[in-house]
Amino acid sequence: MAAKASKSNPVQQEQITTEEALKLYRSTLNFNVINRYDPAIKQLLCHSSHCVIYKFNDDSQEWVKTDYQGTLALYARDFQVPQQGHQPSYQDLQNLFCYGLILLNRSNPNCFSIGLLPNKISKHFFPTGINNSGYTEMDVELNDNLVIVKNLVGEIYGLWIFNEEDRSKMFKSLQYCLTSDSAF
């Protein structure tokens, strides 16, 4: 039975601060925008309002600034486990990603994204790497001002996150996503 507010029995409503309301609004807005790019989004885990993406160039051994900068978000995804009895394909991998990392680009309409899969799971489904590439794990490390992410095809990206607290939180969250097997 629902409680009714009356003069003799008012229902106590919790008041939220303007800061909390703004934070909730930002999270909801980010969730809705990400949903347009990845309808499999399940839960927003963390985000940072300003990030710049760098890519490591193997030939020159240097970081190259990309044309991606904006809001960075890490989120949990609905995923599908591949059917037993056949070699998982690249499309199976796209559906298997448990987490997503997306940068909502302010520089141009193209967004940057990486699907994330716990290493225990990627080794199980892709024991020799995607297309036998040998890359069976993703990796993340914190190096000076960059959160460095290596994906399952061997590409290395540096995430320069302006806010130091956001940088640390994003690193720890990514580390958890890659080392945890709680998604299954």
N, C-alpha and C. Protein backbone atom coordinates (compact mmCIF):
# COMPACT_ATOMS: atom_id res chain seq x y z
N MET A 1 0.85 -1.17 0.00
CA MET A 1 0.00 0.00 0.00
C MET A 1 0.90 1.23 0.00
N ALA A 2 0.65 2.14 -0.91
CA ALA A 2 1.46 3.34 -1.03
C ALA A 2 1.08 4.35 0.03
N ALA A 3 2.07 5.01 0.56
CA ALA A 3 1.81 6.04 1.57
C ALA A 3 1.31 7.30 0.89
N LYS A 4 0.33 7.94 1.46
CA LYS A 4 -0.19 9.18 0.92
C LYS A 4 0.27 10.33 1.79
N ALA A 5 0.59 11.41 1.16
CA ALA A 5 0.97 12.60 1.92
C ALA A 5 -0.30 13.32 2.36
N SER A 6 -0.35 13.65 3.60
CA SER A 6 -1.45 14.45 4.12
C SER A 6 -0.87 15.35 5.20
N LYS A 7 -1.70 16.25 5.66
CA LYS A 7 -1.20 17.18 6.68
C LYS A 7 -0.84 16.45 7.96
N SER A 8 -1.55 15.35 8.24
CA SER A 8 -1.25 14.63 9.47
C SER A 8 -0.12 13.61 9.31
N ASN A 9 0.15 13.17 8.09
CA ASN A 9 1.18 12.15 7.85
C ASN A 9 1.96 12.47 6.57
N PRO A 10 2.79 13.50 6.59
CA PRO A 10 3.53 13.84 5.37
C PRO A 10 4.61 12.80 5.07
N VAL A 11 4.79 12.50 3.79
CA VAL A 11 5.85 11.60 3.37
C VAL A 11 7.14 12.40 3.28
N GLN A 12 8.16 11.89 3.90
CA GLN A 12 9.45 12.57 3.87
C GLN A 12 10.11 12.31 2.51
N GLN A 13 10.45 13.36 1.81
CA GLN A 13 11.16 13.23 0.54
C GLN A 13 12.58 13.72 0.74
N GLU A 14 13.52 12.92 0.27
CA GLU A 14 14.91 13.31 0.37
C GLU A 14 15.21 14.39 -0.64
N GLN A 15 15.87 15.41 -0.21
CA GLN A 15 16.27 16.49 -1.10
C GLN A 15 17.69 16.21 -1.60
N ILE A 16 17.92 16.43 -2.88
CA ILE A 16 19.27 16.28 -3.40
C ILE A 16 19.84 17.66 -3.67
N THR A 17 21.14 17.75 -3.57
CA THR A 17 21.80 19.03 -3.79
C THR A 17 21.84 19.33 -5.29
N THR A 18 22.09 20.56 -5.61
CA THR A 18 22.21 20.97 -7.01
C THR A 18 23.36 20.22 -7.67
N GLU A 19 24.45 20.05 -6.94
CA GLU A 19 25.62 19.33 -7.47
C GLU A 19 25.28 17.87 -7.79
N GLU A 20 24.54 17.22 -6.90
CA GLU A 20 24.13 15.82 -7.13
C GLU A 20 23.17 15.73 -8.32
N ALA A 21 22.28 16.68 -8.43
CA ALA A 21 21.32 16.70 -9.55
C ALA A 21 22.06 16.89 -10.87
N LEU A 22 23.03 17.78 -10.89
CA LEU A 22 23.82 18.01 -12.09
C LEU A 22 24.63 16.77 -12.48
N LYS A 23 25.20 16.10 -11.49
CA LYS A 23 25.95 14.87 -11.74
C LYS A 23 25.04 13.78 -12.32
N LEU A 24 23.86 13.64 -11.76
CA LEU A 24 22.88 12.67 -12.26
C LEU A 24 22.45 13.01 -13.68
N TYR A 25 22.22 14.29 -13.94
CA TYR A 25 21.84 14.74 -15.28
C TYR A 25 22.94 14.42 -16.29
N ARG A 26 24.21 14.71 -15.94
CA ARG A 26 25.34 14.43 -16.84
C ARG A 26 25.46 12.94 -17.13
N SER A 27 25.32 12.12 -16.10
CA SER A 27 25.40 10.67 -16.28
C SER A 27 24.28 10.16 -17.18
N THR A 28 23.09 10.66 -16.98
CA THR A 28 21.94 10.26 -17.81
C THR A 28 22.14 10.69 -19.25
N LEU A 29 22.61 11.90 -19.44
CA LEU A 29 22.87 12.41 -20.78
C LEU A 29 23.94 11.57 -21.47
N ASN A 30 25.06 11.29 -20.77
CA ASN A 30 26.12 10.46 -21.34
C ASN A 30 25.60 9.07 -21.70
N PHE A 31 24.81 8.48 -20.81
CA PHE A 31 24.23 7.15 -21.07
C PHE A 31 23.39 7.19 -22.35
N ASN A 32 22.54 8.20 -22.48
CA ASN A 32 21.66 8.29 -23.64
C ASN A 32 22.43 8.50 -24.94
N VAL A 33 23.47 9.31 -24.89
CA VAL A 33 24.29 9.54 -26.10
C VAL A 33 25.04 8.27 -26.47
N ILE A 34 25.65 7.60 -25.50
CA ILE A 34 26.38 6.36 -25.77
C ILE A 34 25.44 5.30 -26.33
N ASN A 35 24.21 5.26 -25.85
CA ASN A 35 23.21 4.31 -26.32
C ASN A 35 22.97 4.43 -27.83
N ARG A 36 23.14 5.62 -28.37
CA ARG A 36 23.00 5.82 -29.83
C ARG A 36 24.12 5.11 -30.60
N TYR A 37 25.31 5.06 -30.00
CA TYR A 37 26.46 4.42 -30.64
C TYR A 37 26.54 2.93 -30.33
N ASP A 38 26.14 2.56 -29.14
CA ASP A 38 26.20 1.16 -28.72
C ASP A 38 24.93 0.83 -27.92
N PRO A 39 23.91 0.30 -28.60
CA PRO A 39 22.66 -0.02 -27.91
C PRO A 39 22.80 -1.11 -26.86
N ALA A 40 23.96 -1.77 -26.79
CA ALA A 40 24.18 -2.83 -25.80
C ALA A 40 24.62 -2.26 -24.44
N ILE A 41 24.72 -0.93 -24.32
CA ILE A 41 25.14 -0.34 -23.04
C ILE A 41 24.16 -0.77 -21.95
N LYS A 42 24.74 -1.17 -20.83
CA LYS A 42 23.93 -1.63 -19.70
C LYS A 42 24.06 -0.67 -18.52
N GLN A 43 25.29 -0.23 -18.25
CA GLN A 43 25.52 0.63 -17.09
C GLN A 43 26.76 1.48 -17.32
N LEU A 44 26.66 2.75 -17.01
CA LEU A 44 27.80 3.65 -17.09
C LEU A 44 28.64 3.43 -15.83
N LEU A 45 29.93 3.10 -16.01
CA LEU A 45 30.80 2.80 -14.86
C LEU A 45 31.58 4.02 -14.39
N CYS A 46 32.18 4.73 -15.31
CA CYS A 46 32.87 5.98 -14.95
C CYS A 46 33.09 6.79 -16.21
N HIS A 47 33.35 8.07 -16.00
CA HIS A 47 33.61 8.94 -17.15
C HIS A 47 34.49 10.12 -16.73
N SER A 48 35.04 10.76 -17.73
CA SER A 48 35.85 11.96 -17.52
C SER A 48 35.44 12.97 -18.58
N SER A 49 35.36 14.22 -18.19
CA SER A 49 34.85 15.23 -19.11
C SER A 49 35.85 15.64 -20.19
N HIS A 50 37.14 15.39 -19.97
CA HIS A 50 38.10 15.78 -21.02
C HIS A 50 39.23 14.77 -21.15
N CYS A 51 39.33 14.21 -22.34
CA CYS A 51 40.37 13.23 -22.66
C CYS A 51 40.85 13.47 -24.09
N VAL A 52 42.12 13.24 -24.33
CA VAL A 52 42.70 13.30 -25.66
C VAL A 52 43.32 11.93 -25.93
N ILE A 53 43.09 11.39 -27.13
CA ILE A 53 43.59 10.06 -27.50
C ILE A 53 44.88 10.19 -28.31
N TYR A 54 45.89 9.43 -27.91
CA TYR A 54 47.14 9.31 -28.65
C TYR A 54 47.28 7.86 -29.10
N LYS A 55 47.94 7.65 -30.23
CA LYS A 55 48.21 6.29 -30.70
C LYS A 55 49.72 6.11 -30.80
N PHE A 56 50.18 4.94 -30.34
CA PHE A 56 51.61 4.68 -30.38
C PHE A 56 51.98 4.18 -31.77
N ASN A 57 52.98 4.83 -32.39
CA ASN A 57 53.47 4.44 -33.70
C ASN A 57 54.67 3.52 -33.52
N ASP A 58 54.51 2.24 -33.91
CA ASP A 58 55.59 1.26 -33.74
C ASP A 58 56.83 1.62 -34.54
N ASP A 59 56.65 2.18 -35.74
CA ASP A 59 57.79 2.49 -36.60
C ASP A 59 58.67 3.59 -36.00
N SER A 60 58.05 4.69 -35.57
CA SER A 60 58.82 5.81 -35.04
C SER A 60 59.02 5.73 -33.53
N GLN A 61 58.32 4.77 -32.88
CA GLN A 61 58.39 4.62 -31.42
C GLN A 61 57.98 5.91 -30.71
N GLU A 62 56.96 6.59 -31.26
CA GLU A 62 56.48 7.85 -30.69
C GLU A 62 54.96 7.83 -30.56
N TRP A 63 54.48 8.67 -29.64
CA TRP A 63 53.05 8.87 -29.49
C TRP A 63 52.60 9.91 -30.51
N VAL A 64 51.51 9.61 -31.21
CA VAL A 64 50.97 10.52 -32.20
C VAL A 64 49.57 10.94 -31.74
N LYS A 65 49.37 12.25 -31.65
CA LYS A 65 48.06 12.76 -31.23
C LYS A 65 47.04 12.49 -32.34
N THR A 66 45.89 11.93 -31.94
CA THR A 66 44.82 11.68 -32.91
C THR A 66 43.86 12.87 -32.91
N ASP A 67 42.84 12.78 -33.71
CA ASP A 67 41.83 13.83 -33.80
C ASP A 67 40.65 13.54 -32.88
N TYR A 68 40.90 12.82 -31.79
CA TYR A 68 39.84 12.47 -30.85
C TYR A 68 40.08 13.16 -29.52
N GLN A 69 39.13 14.00 -29.12
CA GLN A 69 39.15 14.59 -27.80
C GLN A 69 37.73 14.92 -27.37
N GLY A 70 37.46 14.70 -26.10
CA GLY A 70 36.12 14.95 -25.59
C GLY A 70 35.87 14.14 -24.33
N THR A 71 34.60 13.81 -24.10
CA THR A 71 34.19 13.06 -22.92
C THR A 71 34.51 11.58 -23.12
N LEU A 72 35.17 10.98 -22.15
CA LEU A 72 35.52 9.56 -22.19
C LEU A 72 34.64 8.82 -21.19
N ALA A 73 34.09 7.69 -21.61
CA ALA A 73 33.22 6.92 -20.72
C ALA A 73 33.54 5.43 -20.81
N LEU A 74 33.50 4.77 -19.67
CA LEU A 74 33.65 3.32 -19.56
C LEU A 74 32.30 2.78 -19.12
N TYR A 75 31.84 1.73 -19.79
CA TYR A 75 30.51 1.21 -19.48
C TYR A 75 30.45 -0.30 -19.61
N ALA A 76 29.50 -0.89 -18.90
CA ALA A 76 29.24 -2.33 -19.01
C ALA A 76 28.25 -2.55 -20.14
N ARG A 77 28.39 -3.68 -20.84
CA ARG A 77 27.55 -3.99 -21.99
C ARG A 77 26.80 -5.30 -21.77
N ASP A 78 25.65 -5.42 -22.42
CA ASP A 78 25.01 -6.72 -22.58
C ASP A 78 25.85 -7.46 -23.61
N PHE A 79 26.15 -8.71 -23.37
CA PHE A 79 27.01 -9.44 -24.29
C PHE A 79 26.40 -10.80 -24.59
N GLN A 80 26.89 -11.41 -25.67
CA GLN A 80 26.42 -12.73 -26.08
C GLN A 80 27.61 -13.67 -26.19
N VAL A 81 27.49 -14.82 -25.54
CA VAL A 81 28.54 -15.83 -25.61
C VAL A 81 28.39 -16.58 -26.93
N PRO A 82 29.50 -16.80 -27.67
CA PRO A 82 29.42 -17.52 -28.95
C PRO A 82 28.91 -18.96 -28.75
N GLN A 83 28.30 -19.47 -29.79
CA GLN A 83 27.81 -20.86 -29.76
C GLN A 83 28.99 -21.81 -29.67
N GLN A 84 28.78 -22.90 -28.95
CA GLN A 84 29.81 -23.92 -28.81
C GLN A 84 29.97 -24.68 -30.13
N GLY A 85 31.17 -25.18 -30.36
CA GLY A 85 31.40 -26.06 -31.50
C GLY A 85 31.94 -25.40 -32.75
N HIS A 86 32.12 -24.08 -32.75
CA HIS A 86 32.74 -23.46 -33.92
C HIS A 86 33.74 -22.41 -33.47
N GLN A 87 34.70 -22.14 -34.35
CA GLN A 87 35.73 -21.14 -34.06
C GLN A 87 35.07 -19.76 -34.02
N PRO A 88 35.21 -19.01 -32.90
CA PRO A 88 34.60 -17.69 -32.83
C PRO A 88 35.15 -16.75 -33.90
N SER A 89 34.28 -15.96 -34.46
CA SER A 89 34.66 -15.03 -35.52
C SER A 89 34.86 -13.63 -34.95
N TYR A 90 35.27 -12.71 -35.83
CA TYR A 90 35.43 -11.32 -35.43
C TYR A 90 34.08 -10.75 -34.97
N GLN A 91 32.99 -11.13 -35.65
CA GLN A 91 31.65 -10.67 -35.24
C GLN A 91 31.28 -11.24 -33.87
N ASP A 92 31.66 -12.49 -33.61
CA ASP A 92 31.42 -13.06 -32.28
C ASP A 92 32.12 -12.21 -31.21
N LEU A 93 33.33 -11.75 -31.53
CA LEU A 93 34.07 -10.91 -30.60
C LEU A 93 33.33 -9.61 -30.33
N GLN A 94 32.78 -9.00 -31.37
CA GLN A 94 32.03 -7.75 -31.20
C GLN A 94 30.85 -7.93 -30.25
N ASN A 95 30.21 -9.07 -30.32
CA ASN A 95 29.06 -9.36 -29.46
C ASN A 95 29.48 -9.82 -28.06
N LEU A 96 30.72 -10.28 -27.93
CA LEU A 96 31.22 -10.83 -26.67
C LEU A 96 31.77 -9.76 -25.72
N PHE A 97 32.14 -8.59 -26.26
CA PHE A 97 32.71 -7.55 -25.40
C PHE A 97 31.79 -7.27 -24.22
N CYS A 98 32.35 -7.37 -23.02
CA CYS A 98 31.60 -7.15 -21.78
C CYS A 98 31.57 -5.68 -21.39
N TYR A 99 32.57 -4.94 -21.85
CA TYR A 99 32.72 -3.53 -21.50
C TYR A 99 33.05 -2.73 -22.75
N GLY A 100 32.77 -1.46 -22.68
CA GLY A 100 33.11 -0.57 -23.78
C GLY A 100 33.76 0.69 -23.25
N LEU A 101 34.65 1.23 -24.04
CA LEU A 101 35.32 2.49 -23.75
C LEU A 101 35.05 3.38 -24.96
N ILE A 102 34.43 4.52 -24.74
CA ILE A 102 34.09 5.39 -25.87
C ILE A 102 34.46 6.83 -25.54
N LEU A 103 34.97 7.53 -26.54
CA LEU A 103 35.23 8.94 -26.42
C LEU A 103 34.25 9.65 -27.34
N LEU A 104 33.40 10.48 -26.75
CA LEU A 104 32.43 11.26 -27.52
C LEU A 104 33.17 12.50 -28.01
N ASN A 105 33.49 12.49 -29.30
CA ASN A 105 34.43 13.43 -29.90
C ASN A 105 33.86 14.83 -30.07
N ARG A 106 34.61 15.81 -29.62
CA ARG A 106 34.24 17.21 -29.83
C ARG A 106 34.85 17.76 -31.11
N SER A 107 35.87 17.09 -31.65
CA SER A 107 36.60 17.60 -32.81
C SER A 107 35.91 17.30 -34.13
N ASN A 108 35.25 16.15 -34.23
CA ASN A 108 34.53 15.79 -35.44
C ASN A 108 33.47 14.75 -35.10
N PRO A 109 32.62 14.38 -36.05
CA PRO A 109 31.51 13.47 -35.71
C PRO A 109 31.91 12.03 -35.41
N ASN A 110 33.14 11.63 -35.73
CA ASN A 110 33.56 10.25 -35.47
C ASN A 110 34.01 10.10 -34.02
N CYS A 111 33.48 9.07 -33.37
CA CYS A 111 33.86 8.78 -31.99
C CYS A 111 34.90 7.66 -31.97
N PHE A 112 35.67 7.61 -30.90
CA PHE A 112 36.67 6.57 -30.68
C PHE A 112 36.09 5.55 -29.72
N SER A 113 36.27 4.27 -30.02
CA SER A 113 35.78 3.26 -29.09
C SER A 113 36.65 2.01 -29.13
N ILE A 114 36.69 1.34 -27.98
CA ILE A 114 37.38 0.06 -27.85
C ILE A 114 36.47 -0.86 -27.05
N GLY A 115 36.26 -2.07 -27.56
CA GLY A 115 35.56 -3.08 -26.79
C GLY A 115 36.54 -3.74 -25.84
N LEU A 116 36.08 -4.04 -24.64
CA LEU A 116 36.95 -4.63 -23.62
C LEU A 116 36.40 -5.98 -23.20
N LEU A 117 37.32 -6.90 -22.98
CA LEU A 117 36.97 -8.25 -22.60
C LEU A 117 37.94 -8.70 -21.51
N PRO A 118 37.44 -9.25 -20.40
CA PRO A 118 38.37 -9.76 -19.39
C PRO A 118 39.36 -10.74 -20.02
N ASN A 119 40.62 -10.67 -19.62
CA ASN A 119 41.67 -11.49 -20.24
C ASN A 119 41.41 -12.99 -20.09
N LYS A 120 40.85 -13.40 -18.99
CA LYS A 120 40.53 -14.82 -18.81
C LYS A 120 39.55 -15.29 -19.90
N ILE A 121 38.61 -14.43 -20.27
CA ILE A 121 37.61 -14.77 -21.27
C ILE A 121 38.22 -14.74 -22.67
N SER A 122 39.04 -13.72 -22.96
CA SER A 122 39.64 -13.64 -24.30
C SER A 122 40.57 -14.83 -24.55
N LYS A 123 41.31 -15.26 -23.52
CA LYS A 123 42.18 -16.44 -23.68
C LYS A 123 41.36 -17.70 -23.93
N HIS A 124 40.19 -17.78 -23.30
CA HIS A 124 39.34 -18.96 -23.48
C HIS A 124 38.79 -19.04 -24.91
N PHE A 125 38.25 -17.94 -25.41
CA PHE A 125 37.61 -17.95 -26.73
C PHE A 125 38.60 -17.74 -27.88
N PHE A 126 39.71 -17.07 -27.62
CA PHE A 126 40.70 -16.78 -28.67
C PHE A 126 42.09 -17.18 -28.17
N PRO A 127 42.33 -18.50 -27.96
CA PRO A 127 43.60 -18.94 -27.35
C PRO A 127 44.84 -18.61 -28.18
N THR A 128 44.69 -18.37 -29.47
CA THR A 128 45.83 -17.98 -30.31
C THR A 128 45.69 -16.55 -30.81
N GLY A 129 44.75 -15.81 -30.24
CA GLY A 129 44.51 -14.44 -30.67
C GLY A 129 43.50 -14.39 -31.80
N ILE A 130 43.06 -13.20 -32.13
CA ILE A 130 42.11 -13.02 -33.23
C ILE A 130 42.85 -13.28 -34.53
N ASN A 131 42.31 -14.16 -35.35
CA ASN A 131 42.96 -14.56 -36.60
C ASN A 131 44.40 -15.01 -36.38
N ASN A 132 44.62 -15.74 -35.27
CA ASN A 132 45.94 -16.27 -34.90
C ASN A 132 47.02 -15.19 -34.79
N SER A 133 46.63 -14.02 -34.31
CA SER A 133 47.56 -12.89 -34.21
C SER A 133 48.56 -13.05 -33.06
N GLY A 134 48.22 -13.90 -32.09
CA GLY A 134 49.09 -14.07 -30.93
C GLY A 134 48.74 -13.15 -29.78
N TYR A 135 47.89 -12.14 -30.01
CA TYR A 135 47.46 -11.25 -28.94
C TYR A 135 46.26 -11.87 -28.23
N THR A 136 46.50 -12.43 -27.05
CA THR A 136 45.43 -13.12 -26.32
C THR A 136 44.91 -12.32 -25.14
N GLU A 137 45.56 -11.19 -24.84
CA GLU A 137 45.17 -10.37 -23.70
C GLU A 137 45.18 -8.91 -24.07
N MET A 138 44.33 -8.17 -23.39
CA MET A 138 44.40 -6.71 -23.44
C MET A 138 45.25 -6.29 -22.23
N ASP A 139 45.77 -5.08 -22.28
CA ASP A 139 46.60 -4.62 -21.18
C ASP A 139 46.31 -3.15 -20.93
N VAL A 140 46.47 -2.74 -19.68
CA VAL A 140 46.33 -1.33 -19.31
C VAL A 140 47.42 -1.01 -18.30
N GLU A 141 48.00 0.18 -18.43
CA GLU A 141 48.99 0.64 -17.46
C GLU A 141 48.88 2.15 -17.33
N LEU A 142 49.37 2.62 -16.22
CA LEU A 142 49.39 4.06 -15.95
C LEU A 142 50.84 4.51 -16.05
N ASN A 143 51.11 5.44 -16.95
CA ASN A 143 52.47 5.89 -17.20
C ASN A 143 52.46 7.41 -17.27
N ASP A 144 53.02 8.05 -16.26
CA ASP A 144 53.01 9.52 -16.17
C ASP A 144 51.58 10.04 -16.29
N ASN A 145 51.30 10.73 -17.37
CA ASN A 145 49.97 11.33 -17.54
C ASN A 145 49.08 10.56 -18.50
N LEU A 146 49.49 9.37 -18.90
CA LEU A 146 48.69 8.58 -19.84
C LEU A 146 48.21 7.28 -19.22
N VAL A 147 46.97 6.95 -19.53
CA VAL A 147 46.47 5.60 -19.28
C VAL A 147 46.67 4.88 -20.61
N ILE A 148 47.51 3.86 -20.61
CA ILE A 148 47.88 3.17 -21.86
C ILE A 148 47.07 1.89 -21.97
N VAL A 149 46.40 1.73 -23.12
CA VAL A 149 45.54 0.57 -23.36
C VAL A 149 46.02 -0.14 -24.62
N LYS A 150 46.25 -1.45 -24.49
CA LYS A 150 46.60 -2.28 -25.65
C LYS A 150 45.41 -3.18 -25.93
N ASN A 151 44.90 -3.13 -27.17
CA ASN A 151 43.71 -3.91 -27.50
C ASN A 151 44.07 -5.30 -28.03
N LEU A 152 43.06 -6.05 -28.43
CA LEU A 152 43.27 -7.45 -28.85
C LEU A 152 43.84 -7.61 -30.26
N VAL A 153 44.08 -6.50 -30.95
CA VAL A 153 44.76 -6.61 -32.24
C VAL A 153 46.14 -5.97 -32.17
N GLY A 154 46.60 -5.64 -30.94
CA GLY A 154 47.95 -5.16 -30.73
C GLY A 154 48.14 -3.66 -30.85
N GLU A 155 47.06 -2.91 -31.09
CA GLU A 155 47.17 -1.45 -31.15
C GLU A 155 47.32 -0.90 -29.74
N ILE A 156 48.12 0.17 -29.62
CA ILE A 156 48.36 0.77 -28.31
C ILE A 156 47.90 2.23 -28.34
N TYR A 157 47.04 2.56 -27.39
CA TYR A 157 46.49 3.91 -27.29
C TYR A 157 46.84 4.52 -25.94
N GLY A 158 47.09 5.81 -25.94
CA GLY A 158 47.32 6.56 -24.72
C GLY A 158 46.14 7.49 -24.48
N LEU A 159 45.57 7.40 -23.30
CA LEU A 159 44.44 8.25 -22.94
C LEU A 159 44.96 9.33 -22.00
N TRP A 160 45.07 10.55 -22.53
CA TRP A 160 45.48 11.67 -21.68
C TRP A 160 44.21 12.25 -21.08
N ILE A 161 44.03 12.02 -19.79
CA ILE A 161 42.85 12.48 -19.07
C ILE A 161 43.26 13.67 -18.22
N PHE A 162 42.63 14.80 -18.48
CA PHE A 162 43.02 16.05 -17.84
C PHE A 162 42.98 15.97 -16.32
N ASN A 163 41.88 15.50 -15.76
CA ASN A 163 41.71 15.47 -14.31
C ASN A 163 42.45 14.27 -13.72
N GLU A 164 43.38 14.54 -12.81
CA GLU A 164 44.22 13.48 -12.23
C GLU A 164 43.39 12.42 -11.48
N GLU A 165 42.38 12.87 -10.75
CA GLU A 165 41.51 11.93 -10.02
C GLU A 165 40.74 11.04 -11.00
N ASP A 166 40.23 11.64 -12.09
CA ASP A 166 39.54 10.87 -13.12
C ASP A 166 40.48 9.86 -13.78
N ARG A 167 41.73 10.30 -14.00
CA ARG A 167 42.74 9.43 -14.63
C ARG A 167 42.97 8.19 -13.78
N SER A 168 43.16 8.39 -12.50
CA SER A 168 43.39 7.27 -11.58
C SER A 168 42.17 6.35 -11.51
N LYS A 169 41.00 6.94 -11.42
CA LYS A 169 39.77 6.14 -11.35
C LYS A 169 39.56 5.34 -12.64
N MET A 170 39.82 5.97 -13.79
CA MET A 170 39.66 5.28 -15.07
C MET A 170 40.65 4.13 -15.18
N PHE A 171 41.90 4.36 -14.78
CA PHE A 171 42.91 3.30 -14.82
C PHE A 171 42.48 2.11 -13.96
N LYS A 172 42.09 2.37 -12.73
CA LYS A 172 41.70 1.29 -11.82
C LYS A 172 40.46 0.56 -12.34
N SER A 173 39.53 1.29 -12.92
CA SER A 173 38.32 0.66 -13.46
C SER A 173 38.66 -0.22 -14.67
N LEU A 174 39.52 0.28 -15.56
CA LEU A 174 39.94 -0.52 -16.72
C LEU A 174 40.69 -1.77 -16.26
N GLN A 175 41.56 -1.59 -15.30
CA GLN A 175 42.33 -2.72 -14.76
C GLN A 175 41.38 -3.78 -14.22
N TYR A 176 40.37 -3.38 -13.48
CA TYR A 176 39.38 -4.31 -12.95
C TYR A 176 38.64 -5.02 -14.08
N CYS A 177 38.22 -4.28 -15.09
CA CYS A 177 37.49 -4.88 -16.22
C CYS A 177 38.30 -5.96 -16.92
N LEU A 178 39.61 -5.75 -17.04
CA LEU A 178 40.45 -6.70 -17.76
C LEU A 178 40.88 -7.89 -16.91
N THR A 179 40.96 -7.71 -15.61
CA THR A 179 41.45 -8.80 -14.76
C THR A 179 40.33 -9.57 -14.07
N SER A 180 39.13 -9.05 -14.12
CA SER A 180 38.00 -9.69 -13.45
C SER A 180 37.35 -10.72 -14.38
N ASP A 181 36.77 -11.73 -13.79
CA ASP A 181 35.97 -12.67 -14.58
C ASP A 181 34.53 -12.65 -14.09
N SER A 182 34.16 -11.54 -13.41
CA SER A 182 32.82 -11.44 -12.85
C SER A 182 31.75 -11.20 -13.91
N ALA A 183 32.16 -10.85 -15.13
CA ALA A 183 31.16 -10.59 -16.17
C ALA A 183 30.42 -11.87 -16.54
N PHE A 184 31.04 -13.02 -16.33
CA PHE A 184 30.40 -14.28 -16.69
C PHE A 184 29.89 -14.91 -15.46
